[in-house]
Amino acid sequence: MARIEARIDGTIKSKAKDVLAEHGLTISDFMRMTLTTVANEGLPKYYSIPNRQLKDSIQEVIDDLSGKEKLPEAHSLKELDQLLSSDDALESSK
């Protein structure tokens, strides 16, 4: 096996170690899993670069918060389901 070293802020390492430990993983386990996935499947198409749908969604939230254009509201799970199932919701996700 090859050995990999990386320099990282001590606080970040400590926090990551704690989070991974909650899932029964070590930093080495996580790095091995991550690098194996990258080697076998590559990086996601838009790795760390927001795609158009995400950018549009973020802009919708900004417009809503600024009062420019309010998003539809749902006051129950049924209303939310209807909003998400509507043609308008499908069109805005394209």
PDB file of N, CA and C in Angstrom:
ATOM      1  N   MET A   1       0.831  -1.192   0.000  1.00  0.00           N
ATOM      2  CA  MET A   1       0.000   0.000   0.000  1.00  0.00           C
ATOM      3  C   MET A   1       0.866   1.243   0.000  1.00  0.00           C
ATOM      4  N   ALA A   2       0.399   2.272  -0.694  1.00  0.00           N
ATOM      5  CA  ALA A   2       1.104   3.555  -0.732  1.00  0.00           C
ATOM      6  C   ALA A   2       0.690   4.397   0.468  1.00  0.00           C
ATOM      7  N   ARG A   3       1.555   5.294   0.851  1.00  0.00           N
ATOM      8  CA  ARG A   3       1.274   6.199   1.967  1.00  0.00           C
ATOM      9  C   ARG A   3       1.056   7.604   1.401  1.00  0.00           C
ATOM     10  N   ILE A   4       0.032   8.283   1.888  1.00  0.00           N
ATOM     11  CA  ILE A   4      -0.276   9.640   1.452  1.00  0.00           C
ATOM     12  C   ILE A   4      -0.235  10.551   2.671  1.00  0.00           C
ATOM     13  N   GLU A   5       0.387  11.708   2.505  1.00  0.00           N
ATOM     14  CA  GLU A   5       0.417  12.700   3.577  1.00  0.00           C
ATOM     15  C   GLU A   5      -0.233  13.977   3.077  1.00  0.00           C
ATOM     16  N   ALA A   6      -0.905  14.667   3.980  1.00  0.00           N
ATOM     17  CA  ALA A   6      -1.544  15.942   3.627  1.00  0.00           C
ATOM     18  C   ALA A   6      -1.423  16.899   4.800  1.00  0.00           C
ATOM     19  N   ARG A   7      -1.193  18.151   4.497  1.00  0.00           N
ATOM     20  CA  ARG A   7      -1.151  19.182   5.537  1.00  0.00           C
ATOM     21  C   ARG A   7      -2.541  19.796   5.650  1.00  0.00           C
ATOM     22  N   ILE A   8      -3.025  19.860   6.887  1.00  0.00           N
ATOM     23  CA  ILE A   8      -4.356  20.418   7.125  1.00  0.00           C
ATOM     24  C   ILE A   8      -4.377  21.058   8.503  1.00  0.00           C
ATOM     25  N   ASP A   9      -5.178  22.089   8.651  1.00  0.00           N
ATOM     26  CA  ASP A   9      -5.322  22.778   9.926  1.00  0.00           C
ATOM     27  C   ASP A   9      -5.702  21.776  11.025  1.00  0.00           C
ATOM     28  N   GLY A  10      -5.068  21.898  12.175  1.00  0.00           N
ATOM     29  CA  GLY A  10      -5.300  20.970  13.278  1.00  0.00           C
ATOM     30  C   GLY A  10      -6.740  20.937  13.756  1.00  0.00           C
ATOM     31  N   THR A  11      -7.392  22.085  13.766  1.00  0.00           N
ATOM     32  CA  THR A  11      -8.790  22.148  14.201  1.00  0.00           C
ATOM     33  C   THR A  11      -9.687  21.389  13.233  1.00  0.00           C
ATOM     34  N   ILE A  12      -9.440  21.570  11.945  1.00  0.00           N
ATOM     35  CA  ILE A  12     -10.223  20.856  10.923  1.00  0.00           C
ATOM     36  C   ILE A  12     -10.026  19.353  11.077  1.00  0.00           C
ATOM     37  N   LYS A  13      -8.790  18.931  11.263  1.00  0.00           N
ATOM     38  CA  LYS A  13      -8.501  17.504  11.424  1.00  0.00           C
ATOM     39  C   LYS A  13      -9.238  16.946  12.634  1.00  0.00           C
ATOM     40  N   SER A  14      -9.195  17.663  13.729  1.00  0.00           N
ATOM     41  CA  SER A  14      -9.839  17.202  14.957  1.00  0.00           C
ATOM     42  C   SER A  14     -11.350  17.085  14.788  1.00  0.00           C
ATOM     43  N   LYS A  15     -11.958  18.097  14.179  1.00  0.00           N
ATOM     44  CA  LYS A  15     -13.405  18.062  13.949  1.00  0.00           C
ATOM     45  C   LYS A  15     -13.784  16.910  13.019  1.00  0.00           C
ATOM     46  N   ALA A  16     -13.026  16.750  11.941  1.00  0.00           N
ATOM     47  CA  ALA A  16     -13.305  15.671  10.987  1.00  0.00           C
ATOM     48  C   ALA A  16     -13.148  14.313  11.661  1.00  0.00           C
ATOM     49  N   LYS A  17     -12.119  14.172  12.461  1.00  0.00           N
ATOM     50  CA  LYS A  17     -11.875  12.911  13.170  1.00  0.00           C
ATOM     51  C   LYS A  17     -13.063  12.569  14.064  1.00  0.00           C
ATOM     52  N   ASP A  18     -13.589  13.566  14.781  1.00  0.00           N
ATOM     53  CA  ASP A  18     -14.733  13.343  15.664  1.00  0.00           C
ATOM     54  C   ASP A  18     -15.980  12.942  14.884  1.00  0.00           C
ATOM     55  N   VAL A  19     -16.243  13.639  13.784  1.00  0.00           N
ATOM     56  CA  VAL A  19     -17.425  13.329  12.970  1.00  0.00           C
ATOM     57  C   VAL A  19     -17.311  11.926  12.386  1.00  0.00           C
ATOM     58  N   LEU A  20     -16.152  11.600  11.854  1.00  0.00           N
ATOM     59  CA  LEU A  20     -15.955  10.271  11.268  1.00  0.00           C
ATOM     60  C   LEU A  20     -16.074   9.183  12.324  1.00  0.00           C
ATOM     61  N   ALA A  21     -15.553   9.439  13.526  1.00  0.00           N
ATOM     62  CA  ALA A  21     -15.618   8.452  14.612  1.00  0.00           C
ATOM     63  C   ALA A  21     -17.070   8.134  14.975  1.00  0.00           C
ATOM     64  N   GLU A  22     -17.946   9.129  14.875  1.00  0.00           N
ATOM     65  CA  GLU A  22     -19.371   8.900  15.140  1.00  0.00           C
ATOM     66  C   GLU A  22     -19.956   7.865  14.185  1.00  0.00           C
ATOM     67  N   HIS A  23     -19.324   7.703  13.037  1.00  0.00           N
ATOM     68  CA  HIS A  23     -19.784   6.743  12.030  1.00  0.00           C
ATOM     69  C   HIS A  23     -18.887   5.508  11.974  1.00  0.00           C
ATOM     70  N   GLY A  24     -18.016   5.375  12.970  1.00  0.00           N
ATOM     71  CA  GLY A  24     -17.143   4.205  13.032  1.00  0.00           C
ATOM     72  C   GLY A  24     -16.009   4.230  12.031  1.00  0.00           C
ATOM     73  N   LEU A  25     -15.625   5.412  11.567  1.00  0.00           N
ATOM     74  CA  LEU A  25     -14.569   5.532  10.562  1.00  0.00           C
ATOM     75  C   LEU A  25     -13.385   6.315  11.107  1.00  0.00           C
ATOM     76  N   THR A  26     -12.225   6.015  10.569  1.00  0.00           N
ATOM     77  CA  THR A  26     -11.036   6.813  10.840  1.00  0.00           C
ATOM     78  C   THR A  26     -10.797   7.713   9.635  1.00  0.00           C
ATOM     79  N   ILE A  27      -9.897   8.658   9.786  1.00  0.00           N
ATOM     80  CA  ILE A  27      -9.540   9.509   8.649  1.00  0.00           C
ATOM     81  C   ILE A  27      -8.963   8.645   7.530  1.00  0.00           C
ATOM     82  N   SER A  28      -8.141   7.672   7.894  1.00  0.00           N
ATOM     83  CA  SER A  28      -7.567   6.773   6.879  1.00  0.00           C
ATOM     84  C   SER A  28      -8.656   5.995   6.149  1.00  0.00           C
ATOM     85  N   ASP A  29      -9.652   5.486   6.898  1.00  0.00           N
ATOM     86  CA  ASP A  29     -10.768   4.770   6.262  1.00  0.00           C
ATOM     87  C   ASP A  29     -11.469   5.667   5.244  1.00  0.00           C
ATOM     88  N   PHE A  30     -11.762   6.902   5.675  1.00  0.00           N
ATOM     89  CA  PHE A  30     -12.478   7.837   4.806  1.00  0.00           C
ATOM     90  C   PHE A  30     -11.663   8.177   3.561  1.00  0.00           C
ATOM     91  N   MET A  31     -10.391   8.449   3.740  1.00  0.00           N
ATOM     92  CA  MET A  31      -9.540   8.773   2.590  1.00  0.00           C
ATOM     93  C   MET A  31      -9.446   7.587   1.630  1.00  0.00           C
ATOM     94  N   ARG A  32      -9.323   6.392   2.185  1.00  0.00           N
ATOM     95  CA  ARG A  32      -9.244   5.191   1.343  1.00  0.00           C
ATOM     96  C   ARG A  32     -10.540   5.033   0.543  1.00  0.00           C
ATOM     97  N   MET A  33     -11.693   5.209   1.216  1.00  0.00           N
ATOM     98  CA  MET A  33     -12.982   5.085   0.525  1.00  0.00           C
ATOM     99  C   MET A  33     -13.138   6.154  -0.552  1.00  0.00           C
ATOM    100  N   THR A  34     -12.779   7.382  -0.214  1.00  0.00           N
ATOM    101  CA  THR A  34     -12.928   8.491  -1.150  1.00  0.00           C
ATOM    102  C   THR A  34     -12.034   8.313  -2.369  1.00  0.00           C
ATOM    103  N   LEU A  35     -10.776   8.004  -2.144  1.00  0.00           N
ATOM    104  CA  LEU A  35      -9.847   7.842  -3.268  1.00  0.00           C
ATOM    105  C   LEU A  35     -10.195   6.625  -4.117  1.00  0.00           C
ATOM    106  N   THR A  36     -10.703   5.568  -3.487  1.00  0.00           N
ATOM    107  CA  THR A  36     -11.131   4.393  -4.245  1.00  0.00           C
ATOM    108  C   THR A  36     -12.309   4.752  -5.149  1.00  0.00           C
ATOM    109  N   THR A  37     -13.251   5.526  -4.621  1.00  0.00           N
ATOM    110  CA  THR A  37     -14.395   5.964  -5.425  1.00  0.00           C
ATOM    111  C   THR A  37     -13.939   6.830  -6.592  1.00  0.00           C
ATOM    112  N   VAL A  38     -13.046   7.773  -6.337  1.00  0.00           N
ATOM    113  CA  VAL A  38     -12.531   8.637  -7.411  1.00  0.00           C
ATOM    114  C   VAL A  38     -11.805   7.800  -8.459  1.00  0.00           C
ATOM    115  N   ALA A  39     -10.998   6.845  -8.013  1.00  0.00           N
ATOM    116  CA  ALA A  39     -10.250   6.004  -8.952  1.00  0.00           C
ATOM    117  C   ALA A  39     -11.183   5.160  -9.814  1.00  0.00           C
ATOM    118  N   ASN A  40     -12.247   4.637  -9.211  1.00  0.00           N
ATOM    119  CA  ASN A  40     -13.144   3.735  -9.934  1.00  0.00           C
ATOM    120  C   ASN A  40     -14.253   4.451 -10.705  1.00  0.00           C
ATOM    121  N   GLU A  41     -14.724   5.585 -10.180  1.00  0.00           N
ATOM    122  CA  GLU A  41     -15.877   6.243 -10.781  1.00  0.00           C
ATOM    123  C   GLU A  41     -15.595   7.668 -11.249  1.00  0.00           C
ATOM    124  N   GLY A  42     -14.438   8.211 -10.892  1.00  0.00           N
ATOM    125  CA  GLY A  42     -14.110   9.588 -11.241  1.00  0.00           C
ATOM    126  C   GLY A  42     -14.813  10.562 -10.312  1.00  0.00           C
ATOM    127  N   LEU A  43     -14.568  11.841 -10.553  1.00  0.00           N
ATOM    128  CA  LEU A  43     -15.241  12.888  -9.794  1.00  0.00           C
ATOM    129  C   LEU A  43     -16.621  13.128 -10.388  1.00  0.00           C
ATOM    130  N   PRO A  44     -17.562  13.622  -9.584  1.00  0.00           N
ATOM    131  CA  PRO A  44     -18.858  13.994 -10.151  1.00  0.00           C
ATOM    132  C   PRO A  44     -18.657  15.028 -11.257  1.00  0.00           C
ATOM    133  N   LYS A  45     -19.568  15.054 -12.220  1.00  0.00           N
ATOM    134  CA  LYS A  45     -19.435  15.926 -13.389  1.00  0.00           C
ATOM    135  C   LYS A  45     -19.175  17.381 -13.006  1.00  0.00           C
ATOM    136  N   TYR A  46     -19.884  17.865 -12.013  1.00  0.00           N
ATOM    137  CA  TYR A  46     -19.741  19.264 -11.609  1.00  0.00           C
ATOM    138  C   TYR A  46     -19.154  19.356 -10.207  1.00  0.00           C
ATOM    139  N   TYR A  47     -18.069  18.675  -9.967  1.00  0.00           N
ATOM    140  CA  TYR A  47     -17.455  18.656  -8.648  1.00  0.00           C
ATOM    141  C   TYR A  47     -17.150  20.076  -8.185  1.00  0.00           C
ATOM    142  N   SER A  48     -17.793  20.472  -7.139  1.00  0.00           N
ATOM    143  CA  SER A  48     -17.649  21.761  -6.455  1.00  0.00           C
ATOM    144  C   SER A  48     -18.016  22.974  -7.315  1.00  0.00           C
ATOM    145  N   ILE A  49     -18.615  22.743  -8.461  1.00  0.00           N
ATOM    146  CA  ILE A  49     -19.081  23.845  -9.299  1.00  0.00           C
ATOM    147  C   ILE A  49     -20.597  23.719  -9.384  1.00  0.00           C
ATOM    148  N   PRO A  50     -21.337  24.698  -8.837  1.00  0.00           N
ATOM    149  CA  PRO A  50     -22.799  24.588  -8.866  1.00  0.00           C
ATOM    150  C   PRO A  50     -23.321  24.509 -10.300  1.00  0.00           C
ATOM    151  N   ASN A  51     -24.276  23.613 -10.524  1.00  0.00           N
ATOM    152  CA  ASN A  51     -24.866  23.519 -11.857  1.00  0.00           C
ATOM    153  C   ASN A  51     -25.961  24.574 -12.015  1.00  0.00           C
ATOM    154  N   ARG A  52     -26.511  24.688 -13.188  1.00  0.00           N
ATOM    155  CA  ARG A  52     -27.500  25.721 -13.501  1.00  0.00           C
ATOM    156  C   ARG A  52     -28.716  25.619 -12.581  1.00  0.00           C
ATOM    157  N   GLN A  53     -29.206  24.401 -12.323  1.00  0.00           N
ATOM    158  CA  GLN A  53     -30.394  24.236 -11.483  1.00  0.00           C
ATOM    159  C   GLN A  53     -30.127  24.753 -10.069  1.00  0.00           C
ATOM    160  N   LEU A  54     -28.962  24.460  -9.519  1.00  0.00           N
ATOM    161  CA  LEU A  54     -28.629  24.942  -8.183  1.00  0.00           C
ATOM    162  C   LEU A  54     -28.517  26.462  -8.170  1.00  0.00           C
ATOM    163  N   LYS A  55     -27.850  27.024  -9.177  1.00  0.00           N
ATOM    164  CA  LYS A  55     -27.724  28.484  -9.256  1.00  0.00           C
ATOM    165  C   LYS A  55     -29.101  29.144  -9.348  1.00  0.00           C
ATOM    166  N   ASP A  56     -29.991  28.569 -10.163  1.00  0.00           N
ATOM    167  CA  ASP A  56     -31.343  29.116 -10.295  1.00  0.00           C
ATOM    168  C   ASP A  56     -32.102  29.031  -8.974  1.00  0.00           C
ATOM    169  N   SER A  57     -31.948  27.914  -8.268  1.00  0.00           N
ATOM    170  CA  SER A  57     -32.621  27.742  -6.982  1.00  0.00           C
ATOM    171  C   SER A  57     -32.117  28.743  -5.957  1.00  0.00           C
ATOM    172  N   ILE A  58     -30.817  28.958  -5.928  1.00  0.00           N
ATOM    173  CA  ILE A  58     -30.239  29.938  -5.011  1.00  0.00           C
ATOM    174  C   ILE A  58     -30.770  31.331  -5.333  1.00  0.00           C
ATOM    175  N   GLN A  59     -30.855  31.662  -6.624  1.00  0.00           N
ATOM    176  CA  GLN A  59     -31.368  32.976  -7.020  1.00  0.00           C
ATOM    177  C   GLN A  59     -32.828  33.142  -6.613  1.00  0.00           C
ATOM    178  N   GLU A  60     -33.626  32.067  -6.718  1.00  0.00           N
ATOM    179  CA  GLU A  60     -35.025  32.135  -6.294  1.00  0.00           C
ATOM    180  C   GLU A  60     -35.130  32.467  -4.809  1.00  0.00           C
ATOM    181  N   VAL A  61     -34.272  31.854  -3.997  1.00  0.00           N
ATOM    182  CA  VAL A  61     -34.284  32.119  -2.556  1.00  0.00           C
ATOM    183  C   VAL A  61     -33.852  33.559  -2.278  1.00  0.00           C
ATOM    184  N   ILE A  62     -32.825  34.026  -2.974  1.00  0.00           N
ATOM    185  CA  ILE A  62     -32.374  35.416  -2.813  1.00  0.00           C
ATOM    186  C   ILE A  62     -33.503  36.376  -3.171  1.00  0.00           C
ATOM    187  N   ASP A  63     -34.182  36.114  -4.293  1.00  0.00           N
ATOM    188  CA  ASP A  63     -35.294  36.969  -4.714  1.00  0.00           C
ATOM    189  C   ASP A  63     -36.421  36.952  -3.683  1.00  0.00           C
ATOM    190  N   ASP A  64     -36.696  35.770  -3.120  1.00  0.00           N
ATOM    191  CA  ASP A  64     -37.742  35.653  -2.109  1.00  0.00           C
ATOM    192  C   ASP A  64     -37.375  36.440  -0.854  1.00  0.00           C
ATOM    193  N   LEU A  65     -36.150  36.268  -0.376  1.00  0.00           N
ATOM    194  CA  LEU A  65     -35.721  36.946   0.849  1.00  0.00           C
ATOM    195  C   LEU A  65     -35.657  38.461   0.682  1.00  0.00           C
ATOM    196  N   SER A  66     -35.338  38.911  -0.522  1.00  0.00           N
ATOM    197  CA  SER A  66     -35.249  40.354  -0.766  1.00  0.00           C
ATOM    198  C   SER A  66     -36.611  40.977  -1.073  1.00  0.00           C
ATOM    199  N   GLY A  67     -37.634  40.135  -1.219  1.00  0.00           N
ATOM    200  CA  GLY A  67     -38.971  40.633  -1.524  1.00  0.00           C
ATOM    201  C   GLY A  67     -39.205  40.873  -3.001  1.00  0.00           C
ATOM    202  N   LYS A  68     -38.229  40.569  -3.826  1.00  0.00           N
ATOM    203  CA  LYS A  68     -38.339  40.805  -5.270  1.00  0.00           C
ATOM    204  C   LYS A  68     -39.418  39.920  -5.899  1.00  0.00           C
ATOM    205  N   GLU A  69     -39.390  38.644  -5.559  1.00  0.00           N
ATOM    206  CA  GLU A  69     -40.381  37.704  -6.096  1.00  0.00           C
ATOM    207  C   GLU A  69     -40.576  36.595  -5.074  1.00  0.00           C
ATOM    208  N   LYS A  70     -41.753  36.573  -4.448  1.00  0.00           N
ATOM    209  CA  LYS A  70     -42.020  35.611  -3.388  1.00  0.00           C
ATOM    210  C   LYS A  70     -42.238  34.208  -3.952  1.00  0.00           C
ATOM    211  N   LEU A  71     -41.693  33.234  -3.249  1.00  0.00           N
ATOM    212  CA  LEU A  71     -41.919  31.836  -3.597  1.00  0.00           C
ATOM    213  C   LEU A  71     -43.276  31.404  -3.049  1.00  0.00           C
ATOM    214  N   PRO A  72     -43.916  30.433  -3.688  1.00  0.00           N
ATOM    215  CA  PRO A  72     -45.190  29.942  -3.158  1.00  0.00           C
ATOM    216  C   PRO A  72     -44.973  29.310  -1.781  1.00  0.00           C
ATOM    217  N   GLU A  73     -45.985  29.422  -0.927  1.00  0.00           N
ATOM    218  CA  GLU A  73     -45.886  28.871   0.417  1.00  0.00           C
ATOM    219  C   GLU A  73     -46.803  27.669   0.559  1.00  0.00           C
ATOM    220  N   ALA A  74     -46.403  26.750   1.422  1.00  0.00           N
ATOM    221  CA  ALA A  74     -47.229  25.602   1.770  1.00  0.00           C
ATOM    222  C   ALA A  74     -47.408  25.612   3.284  1.00  0.00           C
ATOM    223  N   HIS A  75     -48.638  25.382   3.719  1.00  0.00           N
ATOM    224  CA  HIS A  75     -48.930  25.404   5.149  1.00  0.00           C
ATOM    225  C   HIS A  75     -49.254  24.014   5.681  1.00  0.00           C
ATOM    226  N   SER A  76     -49.102  23.019   4.830  1.00  0.00           N
ATOM    227  CA  SER A  76     -49.319  21.631   5.249  1.00  0.00           C
ATOM    228  C   SER A  76     -48.535  20.725   4.308  1.00  0.00           C
ATOM    229  N   LEU A  77     -48.388  19.481   4.705  1.00  0.00           N
ATOM    230  CA  LEU A  77     -47.693  18.524   3.834  1.00  0.00           C
ATOM    231  C   LEU A  77     -48.452  18.324   2.529  1.00  0.00           C
ATOM    232  N   LYS A  78     -49.782  18.353   2.617  1.00  0.00           N
ATOM    233  CA  LYS A  78     -50.594  18.182   1.410  1.00  0.00           C
ATOM    234  C   LYS A  78     -50.347  19.333   0.430  1.00  0.00           C
ATOM    235  N   GLU A  79     -50.333  20.572   0.952  1.00  0.00           N
ATOM    236  CA  GLU A  79     -50.062  21.729   0.088  1.00  0.00           C
ATOM    237  C   GLU A  79     -48.663  21.647  -0.509  1.00  0.00           C
ATOM    238  N   LEU A  80     -47.700  21.225   0.300  1.00  0.00           N
ATOM    239  CA  LEU A  80     -46.328  21.093  -0.195  1.00  0.00           C
ATOM    240  C   LEU A  80     -46.265  20.064  -1.311  1.00  0.00           C
ATOM    241  N   ASP A  81     -46.932  18.939  -1.115  1.00  0.00           N
ATOM    242  CA  ASP A  81     -46.949  17.896  -2.140  1.00  0.00           C
ATOM    243  C   ASP A  81     -47.581  18.421  -3.428  1.00  0.00           C
ATOM    244  N   GLN A  82     -48.654  19.192  -3.298  1.00  0.00           N
ATOM    245  CA  GLN A  82     -49.308  19.760  -4.478  1.00  0.00           C
ATOM    246  C   GLN A  82     -48.389  20.744  -5.196  1.00  0.00           C
ATOM    247  N   LEU A  83     -47.681  21.575  -4.420  1.00  0.00           N
ATOM    248  CA  LEU A  83     -46.744  22.527  -5.035  1.00  0.00           C
ATOM    249  C   LEU A  83     -45.627  21.803  -5.778  1.00  0.00           C
ATOM    250  N   LEU A  84     -45.085  20.779  -5.145  1.00  0.00           N
ATOM    251  CA  LEU A  84     -43.971  20.052  -5.763  1.00  0.00           C
ATOM    252  C   LEU A  84     -44.414  19.234  -6.965  1.00  0.00           C
ATOM    253  N   SER A  85     -45.686  18.860  -7.001  1.00  0.00           N
ATOM    254  CA  SER A  85     -46.207  18.054  -8.109  1.00  0.00           C
ATOM    255  C   SER A  85     -46.765  18.892  -9.249  1.00  0.00           C
ATOM    256  N   SER A  86     -46.885  20.199  -9.038  1.00  0.00           N
ATOM    257  CA  SER A  86     -47.493  21.059 -10.058  1.00  0.00           C
ATOM    258  C   SER A  86     -46.580  21.217 -11.267  1.00  0.00           C
ATOM    259  N   ASP A  87     -47.188  21.575 -12.394  1.00  0.00           N
ATOM    260  CA  ASP A  87     -46.424  21.808 -13.621  1.00  0.00           C
ATOM    261  C   ASP A  87     -45.424  22.938 -13.440  1.00  0.00           C
ATOM    262  N   ASP A  88     -45.800  23.979 -12.680  1.00  0.00           N
ATOM    263  CA  ASP A  88     -44.891  25.107 -12.444  1.00  0.00           C
ATOM    264  C   ASP A  88     -43.623  24.645 -11.744  1.00  0.00           C
ATOM    265  N   ALA A  89     -43.768  23.760 -10.763  1.00  0.00           N
ATOM    266  CA  ALA A  89     -42.592  23.263 -10.042  1.00  0.00           C
ATOM    267  C   ALA A  89     -41.708  22.453 -10.971  1.00  0.00           C
ATOM    268  N   LEU A  90     -42.343  21.684 -11.849  1.00  0.00           N
ATOM    269  CA  LEU A  90     -41.559  20.886 -12.789  1.00  0.00           C
ATOM    270  C   LEU A  90     -40.823  21.783 -13.773  1.00  0.00           C
ATOM    271  N   GLU A  91     -41.473  22.844 -14.233  1.00  0.00           N
ATOM    272  CA  GLU A  91     -40.838  23.764 -15.181  1.00  0.00           C
ATOM    273  C   GLU A  91     -39.661  24.491 -14.554  1.00  0.00           C
ATOM    274  N   SER A  92     -39.785  24.910 -13.286  1.00  0.00           N
ATOM    275  CA  SER A  92     -38.702  25.666 -12.656  1.00  0.00           C
ATOM    276  C   SER A  92     -37.508  24.794 -12.330  1.00  0.00           C
ATOM    277  N   SER A  93     -37.704  23.471 -12.343  1.00  0.00           N
ATOM    278  CA  SER A  93     -36.571  22.594 -12.050  1.00  0.00           C
ATOM    279  C   SER A  93     -35.794  22.219 -13.298  1.00  0.00           C
ATOM    280  N   LYS A  94     -36.216  22.725 -14.462  1.00  0.00           N
ATOM    281  CA  LYS A  94     -35.518  22.395 -15.713  1.00  0.00           C
ATOM    282  C   LYS A  94     -34.437  23.385 -16.006  1.00  0.00           C
TER     283      LYS A  94
END
